[in-house]
All heavy atoms as atom14 arrays in JSON, in Angstrom:
{
  "sequence": "AARDAAAKLGVDASFSDAKGDANTQNDQINSLLVGGAKGIVIA",
  "atom14_mask": [
    [1, 1, 1, 1, 1, 0, 0, 0, 0, 0, 0, 0, 0, 0],
    [1, 1, 1, 1, 1, 0, 0, 0, 0, 0, 0, 0, 0, 0],
    [1, 1, 1, 1, 1, 1, 1, 1, 1, 1, 1, 0, 0, 0],
    [1, 1, 1, 1, 1, 1, 1, 1, 0, 0, 0, 0, 0, 0],
    [1, 1, 1, 1, 1, 0, 0, 0, 0, 0, 0, 0, 0, 0],
    [1, 1, 1, 1, 1, 0, 0, 0, 0, 0, 0, 0, 0, 0],
    [1, 1, 1, 1, 1, 0, 0, 0, 0, 0, 0, 0, 0, 0],
    [1, 1, 1, 1, 1, 1, 1, 1, 1, 0, 0, 0, 0, 0],
    [1, 1, 1, 1, 1, 1, 1, 1, 0, 0, 0, 0, 0, 0],
    [1, 1, 1, 1, 0, 0, 0, 0, 0, 0, 0, 0, 0, 0],
    [1, 1, 1, 1, 1, 1, 1, 0, 0, 0, 0, 0, 0, 0],
    [1, 1, 1, 1, 1, 1, 1, 1, 0, 0, 0, 0, 0, 0],
    [1, 1, 1, 1, 1, 0, 0, 0, 0, 0, 0, 0, 0, 0],
    [1, 1, 1, 1, 1, 1, 0, 0, 0, 0, 0, 0, 0, 0],
    [1, 1, 1, 1, 1, 1, 1, 1, 1, 1, 1, 0, 0, 0],
    [1, 1, 1, 1, 1, 1, 0, 0, 0, 0, 0, 0, 0, 0],
    [1, 1, 1, 1, 1, 1, 1, 1, 0, 0, 0, 0, 0, 0],
    [1, 1, 1, 1, 1, 0, 0, 0, 0, 0, 0, 0, 0, 0],
    [1, 1, 1, 1, 1, 1, 1, 1, 1, 0, 0, 0, 0, 0],
    [1, 1, 1, 1, 0, 0, 0, 0, 0, 0, 0, 0, 0, 0],
    [1, 1, 1, 1, 1, 1, 1, 1, 0, 0, 0, 0, 0, 0],
    [1, 1, 1, 1, 1, 0, 0, 0, 0, 0, 0, 0, 0, 0],
    [1, 1, 1, 1, 1, 1, 1, 1, 0, 0, 0, 0, 0, 0],
    [1, 1, 1, 1, 1, 1, 1, 0, 0, 0, 0, 0, 0, 0],
    [1, 1, 1, 1, 1, 1, 1, 1, 1, 0, 0, 0, 0, 0],
    [1, 1, 1, 1, 1, 1, 1, 1, 0, 0, 0, 0, 0, 0],
    [1, 1, 1, 1, 1, 1, 1, 1, 0, 0, 0, 0, 0, 0],
    [1, 1, 1, 1, 1, 1, 1, 1, 1, 0, 0, 0, 0, 0],
    [1, 1, 1, 1, 1, 1, 1, 1, 0, 0, 0, 0, 0, 0],
    [1, 1, 1, 1, 1, 1, 1, 1, 0, 0, 0, 0, 0, 0],
    [1, 1, 1, 1, 1, 1, 0, 0, 0, 0, 0, 0, 0, 0],
    [1, 1, 1, 1, 1, 1, 1, 1, 0, 0, 0, 0, 0, 0],
    [1, 1, 1, 1, 1, 1, 1, 1, 0, 0, 0, 0, 0, 0],
    [1, 1, 1, 1, 1, 1, 1, 0, 0, 0, 0, 0, 0, 0],
    [1, 1, 1, 1, 0, 0, 0, 0, 0, 0, 0, 0, 0, 0],
    [1, 1, 1, 1, 0, 0, 0, 0, 0, 0, 0, 0, 0, 0],
    [1, 1, 1, 1, 1, 0, 0, 0, 0, 0, 0, 0, 0, 0],
    [1, 1, 1, 1, 1, 1, 1, 1, 1, 0, 0, 0, 0, 0],
    [1, 1, 1, 1, 0, 0, 0, 0, 0, 0, 0, 0, 0, 0],
    [1, 1, 1, 1, 1, 1, 1, 1, 0, 0, 0, 0, 0, 0],
    [1, 1, 1, 1, 1, 1, 1, 0, 0, 0, 0, 0, 0, 0],
    [1, 1, 1, 1, 1, 1, 1, 1, 0, 0, 0, 0, 0, 0],
    [1, 1, 1, 1, 1, 0, 0, 0, 0, 0, 0, 0, 0, 0]
  ],
  "atom14_positions": [
    [[-45.15, -30.5, 2.41], [-43.99, -29.7, 1.94], [-43.02, -29.42, 3.07], [-41.82, -29.46, 2.89], [-44.48, -28.42, 1.3], [0.0, 0.0, 0.0], [0.0, 0.0, 0.0], [0.0, 0.0, 0.0], [0.0, 0.0, 0.0], [0.0, 0.0, 0.0], [0.0, 0.0, 0.0], [0.0, 0.0, 0.0], [0.0, 0.0, 0.0], [0.0, 0.0, 0.0]],
    [[-43.55, -29.16, 4.29], [-42.69, -28.93, 5.44], [-41.91, -30.15, 5.77], [-40.72, -30.07, 6.14], [-43.53, -28.46, 6.65], [0.0, 0.0, 0.0], [0.0, 0.0, 0.0], [0.0, 0.0, 0.0], [0.0, 0.0, 0.0], [0.0, 0.0, 0.0], [0.0, 0.0, 0.0], [0.0, 0.0, 0.0], [0.0, 0.0, 0.0], [0.0, 0.0, 0.0]],
    [[-42.56, -31.28, 5.7], [-41.86, -32.59, 6.0], [-40.71, -32.77, 5.0], [-39.63, -33.19, 5.41], [-42.85, -33.73, 5.94], [-42.24, -35.08, 6.25], [-43.24, -36.21, 6.23], [-44.12, -36.19, 7.42], [-45.43, -35.85, 7.38], [-46.01, -35.59, 6.2], [-46.15, -35.85, 8.42], [0.0, 0.0, 0.0], [0.0, 0.0, 0.0], [0.0, 0.0, 0.0]],
    [[-41.02, -32.49, 3.75], [-39.94, -32.64, 2.71], [-38.79, -31.71, 2.97], [-37.6, -32.09, 2.83], [-40.53, -32.39, 1.3], [-41.48, -33.49, 0.86], [-41.43, -34.6, 1.47], [-42.26, -33.26, -0.09], [0.0, 0.0, 0.0], [0.0, 0.0, 0.0], [0.0, 0.0, 0.0], [0.0, 0.0, 0.0], [0.0, 0.0, 0.0], [0.0, 0.0, 0.0]],
    [[-39.12, -30.47, 3.36], [-38.04, -29.49, 3.61], [-37.18, -29.9, 4.79], [-35.96, -29.78, 4.78], [-38.7, -28.16, 3.84], [0.0, 0.0, 0.0], [0.0, 0.0, 0.0], [0.0, 0.0, 0.0], [0.0, 0.0, 0.0], [0.0, 0.0, 0.0], [0.0, 0.0, 0.0], [0.0, 0.0, 0.0], [0.0, 0.0, 0.0], [0.0, 0.0, 0.0]],
    [[-37.81, -30.41, 5.84], [-37.09, -30.87, 7.02], [-36.19, -31.99, 6.66], [-35.05, -32.09, 7.13], [-38.1, -31.25, 8.13], [0.0, 0.0, 0.0], [0.0, 0.0, 0.0], [0.0, 0.0, 0.0], [0.0, 0.0, 0.0], [0.0, 0.0, 0.0], [0.0, 0.0, 0.0], [0.0, 0.0, 0.0], [0.0, 0.0, 0.0], [0.0, 0.0, 0.0]],
    [[-36.67, -32.92, 5.85], [-35.82, -34.03, 5.43], [-34.61, -33.57, 4.67], [-33.49, -34.04, 4.93], [-36.64, -35.0, 4.57], [0.0, 0.0, 0.0], [0.0, 0.0, 0.0], [0.0, 0.0, 0.0], [0.0, 0.0, 0.0], [0.0, 0.0, 0.0], [0.0, 0.0, 0.0], [0.0, 0.0, 0.0], [0.0, 0.0, 0.0], [0.0, 0.0, 0.0]],
    [[-34.8, -32.62, 3.76], [-33.58, -32.15, 3.02], [-32.63, -31.42, 3.89], [-31.45, -31.43, 3.64], [-34.13, -31.19, 1.92], [-34.88, -31.9, 0.81], [-35.33, -30.89, -0.26], [-36.16, -31.62, -1.3], [-36.71, -30.68, -2.35], [0.0, 0.0, 0.0], [0.0, 0.0, 0.0], [0.0, 0.0, 0.0], [0.0, 0.0, 0.0], [0.0, 0.0, 0.0]],
    [[-33.09, -30.84, 4.99], [-32.2, -30.07, 5.86], [-31.6, -30.95, 6.95], [-30.75, -30.54, 7.74], [-32.96, -28.91, 6.49], [-33.36, -27.79, 5.51], [-34.37, -26.86, 6.16], [-32.06, -27.02, 5.11], [0.0, 0.0, 0.0], [0.0, 0.0, 0.0], [0.0, 0.0, 0.0], [0.0, 0.0, 0.0], [0.0, 0.0, 0.0], [0.0, 0.0, 0.0]],
    [[-32.11, -32.2, 7.07], [-31.54, -33.13, 8.04], [-31.92, -32.88, 9.49], [-31.12, -33.0, 10.38], [0.0, 0.0, 0.0], [0.0, 0.0, 0.0], [0.0, 0.0, 0.0], [0.0, 0.0, 0.0], [0.0, 0.0, 0.0], [0.0, 0.0, 0.0], [0.0, 0.0, 0.0], [0.0, 0.0, 0.0], [0.0, 0.0, 0.0], [0.0, 0.0, 0.0]],
    [[-33.16, -32.4, 9.69], [-33.61, -32.13, 11.07], [-34.79, -33.04, 11.39], [-35.46, -33.55, 10.47], [-34.04, -30.65, 11.24], [-32.9, -29.74, 11.04], [-35.2, -30.27, 10.29], [0.0, 0.0, 0.0], [0.0, 0.0, 0.0], [0.0, 0.0, 0.0], [0.0, 0.0, 0.0], [0.0, 0.0, 0.0], [0.0, 0.0, 0.0], [0.0, 0.0, 0.0]],
    [[-34.96, -33.32, 12.68], [-36.13, -34.1, 13.12], [-37.3, -33.12, 13.33], [-37.2, -32.19, 14.13], [-35.79, -34.82, 14.47], [-34.99, -36.04, 14.31], [-34.91, -36.57, 13.16], [-34.37, -36.51, 15.27], [0.0, 0.0, 0.0], [0.0, 0.0, 0.0], [0.0, 0.0, 0.0], [0.0, 0.0, 0.0], [0.0, 0.0, 0.0], [0.0, 0.0, 0.0]],
    [[-38.38, -33.4, 12.6], [-39.52, -32.48, 12.71], [-40.73, -33.23, 13.26], [-41.03, -34.35, 12.83], [-39.91, -31.93, 11.31], [0.0, 0.0, 0.0], [0.0, 0.0, 0.0], [0.0, 0.0, 0.0], [0.0, 0.0, 0.0], [0.0, 0.0, 0.0], [0.0, 0.0, 0.0], [0.0, 0.0, 0.0], [0.0, 0.0, 0.0], [0.0, 0.0, 0.0]],
    [[-41.39, -32.66, 14.27], [-42.6, -33.19, 14.83], [-43.71, -32.22, 14.54], [-43.52, -30.98, 14.65], [-42.48, -33.46, 16.35], [-41.51, -34.43, 16.59], [0.0, 0.0, 0.0], [0.0, 0.0, 0.0], [0.0, 0.0, 0.0], [0.0, 0.0, 0.0], [0.0, 0.0, 0.0], [0.0, 0.0, 0.0], [0.0, 0.0, 0.0], [0.0, 0.0, 0.0]],
    [[-44.9, -32.74, 14.17], [-46.03, -31.91, 13.82], [-47.2, -32.08, 14.82], [-47.37, -33.15, 15.4], [-46.59, -32.33, 12.44], [-45.61, -32.07, 11.28], [-44.52, -32.92, 11.09], [-45.73, -30.93, 10.51], [-43.66, -32.64, 10.05], [-44.82, -30.7, 9.46], [-43.77, -31.58, 9.27], [0.0, 0.0, 0.0], [0.0, 0.0, 0.0], [0.0, 0.0, 0.0]],
    [[-47.91, -31.02, 15.03], [-49.14, -31.11, 15.84], [-50.25, -30.44, 15.09], [-50.08, -29.53, 14.25], [-48.93, -30.44, 17.21], [-48.66, -29.07, 17.12], [0.0, 0.0, 0.0], [0.0, 0.0, 0.0], [0.0, 0.0, 0.0], [0.0, 0.0, 0.0], [0.0, 0.0, 0.0], [0.0, 0.0, 0.0], [0.0, 0.0, 0.0], [0.0, 0.0, 0.0]],
    [[-51.5, -30.84, 15.42], [-52.66, -30.31, 14.75], [-53.66, -29.89, 15.88], [-54.19, -30.73, 16.61], [-53.28, -31.38, 13.85], [-54.64, -30.97, 13.26], [-54.99, -29.74, 13.39], [-55.26, -31.81, 12.63], [0.0, 0.0, 0.0], [0.0, 0.0, 0.0], [0.0, 0.0, 0.0], [0.0, 0.0, 0.0], [0.0, 0.0, 0.0], [0.0, 0.0, 0.0]],
    [[-53.92, -28.6, 15.97], [-54.79, -28.07, 17.03], [-56.23, -28.23, 16.7], [-57.09, -27.96, 17.6], [-54.49, -26.57, 17.28], [0.0, 0.0, 0.0], [0.0, 0.0, 0.0], [0.0, 0.0, 0.0], [0.0, 0.0, 0.0], [0.0, 0.0, 0.0], [0.0, 0.0, 0.0], [0.0, 0.0, 0.0], [0.0, 0.0, 0.0], [0.0, 0.0, 0.0]],
    [[-56.61, -28.62, 15.56], [-57.98, -28.83, 15.13], [-58.86, -27.58, 15.45], [-59.99, -27.71, 15.91], [-58.55, -30.08, 15.81], [-57.83, -31.35, 15.43], [-58.51, -32.58, 15.96], [-57.67, -33.81, 15.74], [-57.36, -34.05, 14.32], [0.0, 0.0, 0.0], [0.0, 0.0, 0.0], [0.0, 0.0, 0.0], [0.0, 0.0, 0.0], [0.0, 0.0, 0.0]],
    [[-58.28, -26.41, 15.27], [-58.99, -25.16, 15.4], [-59.16, -24.67, 16.79], [-59.9, -23.7, 17.07], [0.0, 0.0, 0.0], [0.0, 0.0, 0.0], [0.0, 0.0, 0.0], [0.0, 0.0, 0.0], [0.0, 0.0, 0.0], [0.0, 0.0, 0.0], [0.0, 0.0, 0.0], [0.0, 0.0, 0.0], [0.0, 0.0, 0.0], [0.0, 0.0, 0.0]],
    [[-58.45, -25.26, 17.81], [-58.62, -24.87, 19.18], [-57.32, -24.26, 19.67], [-56.29, -24.93, 19.69], [-58.98, -26.03, 20.06], [-59.28, -25.69, 21.5], [-60.44, -25.28, 21.76], [-58.37, -25.73, 22.32], [0.0, 0.0, 0.0], [0.0, 0.0, 0.0], [0.0, 0.0, 0.0], [0.0, 0.0, 0.0], [0.0, 0.0, 0.0], [0.0, 0.0, 0.0]],
    [[-57.38, -23.0, 20.11], [-56.22, -22.27, 20.54], [-55.59, -22.81, 21.8], [-54.35, -22.94, 21.91], [-56.49, -20.76, 20.74], [0.0, 0.0, 0.0], [0.0, 0.0, 0.0], [0.0, 0.0, 0.0], [0.0, 0.0, 0.0], [0.0, 0.0, 0.0], [0.0, 0.0, 0.0], [0.0, 0.0, 0.0], [0.0, 0.0, 0.0], [0.0, 0.0, 0.0]],
    [[-56.44, -23.22, 22.76], [-55.88, -23.81, 24.01], [-55.13, -25.09, 23.71], [-54.07, -25.37, 24.31], [-56.97, -23.97, 25.0], [-57.48, -22.65, 25.53], [-56.79, -21.71, 25.64], [-58.79, -22.69, 25.9], [0.0, 0.0, 0.0], [0.0, 0.0, 0.0], [0.0, 0.0, 0.0], [0.0, 0.0, 0.0], [0.0, 0.0, 0.0], [0.0, 0.0, 0.0]],
    [[-55.69, -25.88, 22.83], [-55.04, -27.16, 22.5], [-53.67, -26.88, 21.83], [-52.72, -27.54, 22.13], [-55.91, -27.95, 21.5], [-57.11, -28.29, 22.14], [-55.19, -29.19, 20.98], [0.0, 0.0, 0.0], [0.0, 0.0, 0.0], [0.0, 0.0, 0.0], [0.0, 0.0, 0.0], [0.0, 0.0, 0.0], [0.0, 0.0, 0.0], [0.0, 0.0, 0.0]],
    [[-53.64, -25.81, 21.02], [-52.38, -25.51, 20.35], [-51.34, -25.02, 21.39], [-50.15, -25.41, 21.24], [-52.54, -24.41, 19.29], [-51.34, -24.2, 18.42], [-51.65, -23.37, 17.21], [-52.18, -22.3, 17.33], [-51.31, -23.88, 16.01], [0.0, 0.0, 0.0], [0.0, 0.0, 0.0], [0.0, 0.0, 0.0], [0.0, 0.0, 0.0], [0.0, 0.0, 0.0]],
    [[-51.73, -24.25, 22.39], [-50.77, -23.85, 23.42], [-50.17, -25.11, 24.12], [-48.97, -25.21, 24.28], [-51.48, -22.98, 24.42], [-51.81, -21.57, 23.86], [-51.2, -21.13, 22.94], [-52.72, -20.92, 24.58], [0.0, 0.0, 0.0], [0.0, 0.0, 0.0], [0.0, 0.0, 0.0], [0.0, 0.0, 0.0], [0.0, 0.0, 0.0], [0.0, 0.0, 0.0]],
    [[-51.07, -26.06, 24.44], [-50.59, -27.29, 25.13], [-49.67, -28.09, 24.18], [-48.6, -28.61, 24.63], [-51.73, -28.16, 25.5], [-52.58, -27.61, 26.67], [-52.09, -26.73, 27.37], [-53.76, -28.02, 26.77], [0.0, 0.0, 0.0], [0.0, 0.0, 0.0], [0.0, 0.0, 0.0], [0.0, 0.0, 0.0], [0.0, 0.0, 0.0], [0.0, 0.0, 0.0]],
    [[-50.01, -28.14, 22.93], [-49.18, -28.91, 21.98], [-47.8, -28.3, 21.83], [-46.8, -29.02, 21.77], [-49.85, -28.97, 20.65], [-51.11, -29.88, 20.64], [-51.87, -29.85, 19.31], [-51.74, -28.89, 18.55], [-52.72, -30.83, 19.06], [0.0, 0.0, 0.0], [0.0, 0.0, 0.0], [0.0, 0.0, 0.0], [0.0, 0.0, 0.0], [0.0, 0.0, 0.0]],
    [[-47.74, -27.0, 21.78], [-46.43, -26.33, 21.61], [-45.56, -26.57, 22.84], [-44.34, -26.83, 22.76], [-46.59, -24.83, 21.32], [-47.1, -24.64, 19.87], [-45.24, -24.08, 21.45], [-47.49, -23.31, 19.53], [0.0, 0.0, 0.0], [0.0, 0.0, 0.0], [0.0, 0.0, 0.0], [0.0, 0.0, 0.0], [0.0, 0.0, 0.0], [0.0, 0.0, 0.0]],
    [[-46.15, -26.49, 24.02], [-45.38, -26.77, 25.24], [-44.95, -28.23, 25.28], [-43.85, -28.54, 25.73], [-46.26, -26.42, 26.43], [-46.21, -24.94, 26.7], [-45.21, -24.38, 27.23], [-47.24, -24.21, 26.3], [0.0, 0.0, 0.0], [0.0, 0.0, 0.0], [0.0, 0.0, 0.0], [0.0, 0.0, 0.0], [0.0, 0.0, 0.0], [0.0, 0.0, 0.0]],
    [[-45.72, -29.13, 24.71], [-45.32, -30.53, 24.67], [-44.15, -30.7, 23.69], [-43.2, -31.45, 23.95], [-46.48, -31.37, 24.12], [-47.55, -31.38, 25.1], [0.0, 0.0, 0.0], [0.0, 0.0, 0.0], [0.0, 0.0, 0.0], [0.0, 0.0, 0.0], [0.0, 0.0, 0.0], [0.0, 0.0, 0.0], [0.0, 0.0, 0.0], [0.0, 0.0, 0.0]],
    [[-44.16, -29.97, 22.64], [-43.03, -29.97, 21.68], [-41.75, -29.46, 22.35], [-40.69, -30.03, 22.19], [-43.34, -29.13, 20.46], [-44.42, -29.67, 19.48], [-44.88, -28.66, 18.49], [-43.9, -30.91, 18.73], [0.0, 0.0, 0.0], [0.0, 0.0, 0.0], [0.0, 0.0, 0.0], [0.0, 0.0, 0.0], [0.0, 0.0, 0.0], [0.0, 0.0, 0.0]],
    [[-41.91, -28.41, 23.13], [-40.76, -27.91, 23.86], [-40.19, -28.87, 24.87], [-39.0, -29.1, 25.02], [-41.12, -26.54, 24.52], [-41.46, -25.4, 23.53], [-42.04, -24.25, 24.3], [-40.21, -24.94, 22.77], [0.0, 0.0, 0.0], [0.0, 0.0, 0.0], [0.0, 0.0, 0.0], [0.0, 0.0, 0.0], [0.0, 0.0, 0.0], [0.0, 0.0, 0.0]],
    [[-41.1, -29.47, 25.64], [-40.68, -30.45, 26.63], [-40.01, -31.65, 25.97], [-39.07, -32.26, 26.48], [-41.89, -30.92, 27.47], [-41.58, -32.19, 28.32], [-42.36, -29.82, 28.39], [0.0, 0.0, 0.0], [0.0, 0.0, 0.0], [0.0, 0.0, 0.0], [0.0, 0.0, 0.0], [0.0, 0.0, 0.0], [0.0, 0.0, 0.0], [0.0, 0.0, 0.0]],
    [[-40.46, -31.95, 24.75], [-39.88, -33.04, 23.97], [-38.53, -32.72, 23.37], [-37.9, -33.55, 22.7], [0.0, 0.0, 0.0], [0.0, 0.0, 0.0], [0.0, 0.0, 0.0], [0.0, 0.0, 0.0], [0.0, 0.0, 0.0], [0.0, 0.0, 0.0], [0.0, 0.0, 0.0], [0.0, 0.0, 0.0], [0.0, 0.0, 0.0], [0.0, 0.0, 0.0]],
    [[-38.06, -31.52, 23.53], [-36.73, -31.15, 23.14], [-36.6, -30.31, 21.87], [-35.48, -30.12, 21.38], [0.0, 0.0, 0.0], [0.0, 0.0, 0.0], [0.0, 0.0, 0.0], [0.0, 0.0, 0.0], [0.0, 0.0, 0.0], [0.0, 0.0, 0.0], [0.0, 0.0, 0.0], [0.0, 0.0, 0.0], [0.0, 0.0, 0.0], [0.0, 0.0, 0.0]],
    [[-37.71, -29.86, 21.35], [-37.66, -29.01, 20.16], [-36.95, -27.71, 20.51], [-37.31, -27.03, 21.48], [-39.07, -28.69, 19.62], [0.0, 0.0, 0.0], [0.0, 0.0, 0.0], [0.0, 0.0, 0.0], [0.0, 0.0, 0.0], [0.0, 0.0, 0.0], [0.0, 0.0, 0.0], [0.0, 0.0, 0.0], [0.0, 0.0, 0.0], [0.0, 0.0, 0.0]],
    [[-35.93, -27.37, 19.73], [-35.23, -26.08, 19.92], [-35.59, -25.05, 18.87], [-35.04, -23.94, 18.85], [-33.66, -26.34, 19.83], [-33.22, -27.1, 21.09], [-33.55, -26.32, 22.36], [-33.16, -27.03, 23.61], [-33.55, -26.29, 24.85], [0.0, 0.0, 0.0], [0.0, 0.0, 0.0], [0.0, 0.0, 0.0], [0.0, 0.0, 0.0], [0.0, 0.0, 0.0]],
    [[-36.56, -25.37, 18.03], [-37.12, -24.44, 17.07], [-38.57, -24.82, 16.86], [-38.92, -25.95, 16.74], [0.0, 0.0, 0.0], [0.0, 0.0, 0.0], [0.0, 0.0, 0.0], [0.0, 0.0, 0.0], [0.0, 0.0, 0.0], [0.0, 0.0, 0.0], [0.0, 0.0, 0.0], [0.0, 0.0, 0.0], [0.0, 0.0, 0.0], [0.0, 0.0, 0.0]],
    [[-39.43, -23.76, 16.78], [-40.85, -23.95, 16.59], [-41.29, -23.06, 15.46], [-41.0, -21.85, 15.44], [-41.63, -23.62, 17.87], [-41.22, -24.53, 19.02], [-43.14, -23.66, 17.63], [-41.76, -25.94, 18.92], [0.0, 0.0, 0.0], [0.0, 0.0, 0.0], [0.0, 0.0, 0.0], [0.0, 0.0, 0.0], [0.0, 0.0, 0.0], [0.0, 0.0, 0.0]],
    [[-42.15, -23.59, 14.56], [-42.93, -22.86, 13.65], [-44.37, -22.97, 14.1], [-44.91, -24.1, 14.19], [-42.85, -23.3, 12.2], [-43.69, -22.46, 11.26], [-41.38, -23.31, 11.73], [0.0, 0.0, 0.0], [0.0, 0.0, 0.0], [0.0, 0.0, 0.0], [0.0, 0.0, 0.0], [0.0, 0.0, 0.0], [0.0, 0.0, 0.0], [0.0, 0.0, 0.0]],
    [[-45.04, -21.82, 14.35], [-46.45, -21.86, 14.7], [-47.27, -21.12, 13.66], [-46.95, -19.98, 13.29], [-46.78, -21.3, 16.08], [-48.27, -21.23, 16.32], [-46.12, -19.94, 16.27], [-48.69, -20.73, 17.67], [0.0, 0.0, 0.0], [0.0, 0.0, 0.0], [0.0, 0.0, 0.0], [0.0, 0.0, 0.0], [0.0, 0.0, 0.0], [0.0, 0.0, 0.0]],
    [[-48.32, -21.77, 13.14], [-49.35, -21.1, 12.36], [-50.55, -21.06, 13.33], [-51.21, -22.04, 13.56], [-49.69, -21.89, 11.12], [0.0, 0.0, 0.0], [0.0, 0.0, 0.0], [0.0, 0.0, 0.0], [0.0, 0.0, 0.0], [0.0, 0.0, 0.0], [0.0, 0.0, 0.0], [0.0, 0.0, 0.0], [0.0, 0.0, 0.0], [0.0, 0.0, 0.0]]
  ]
}
């Protein structure tokens, strides 16, 4: 659903999956930021 919403809004969306590990998620978010993301949704 998030992918569909991003498509309708015309934004480039990249997804990450922490597989239940908080440290992995921290690294992934920083990778998204380094990759140029100017907006982040974190669950």
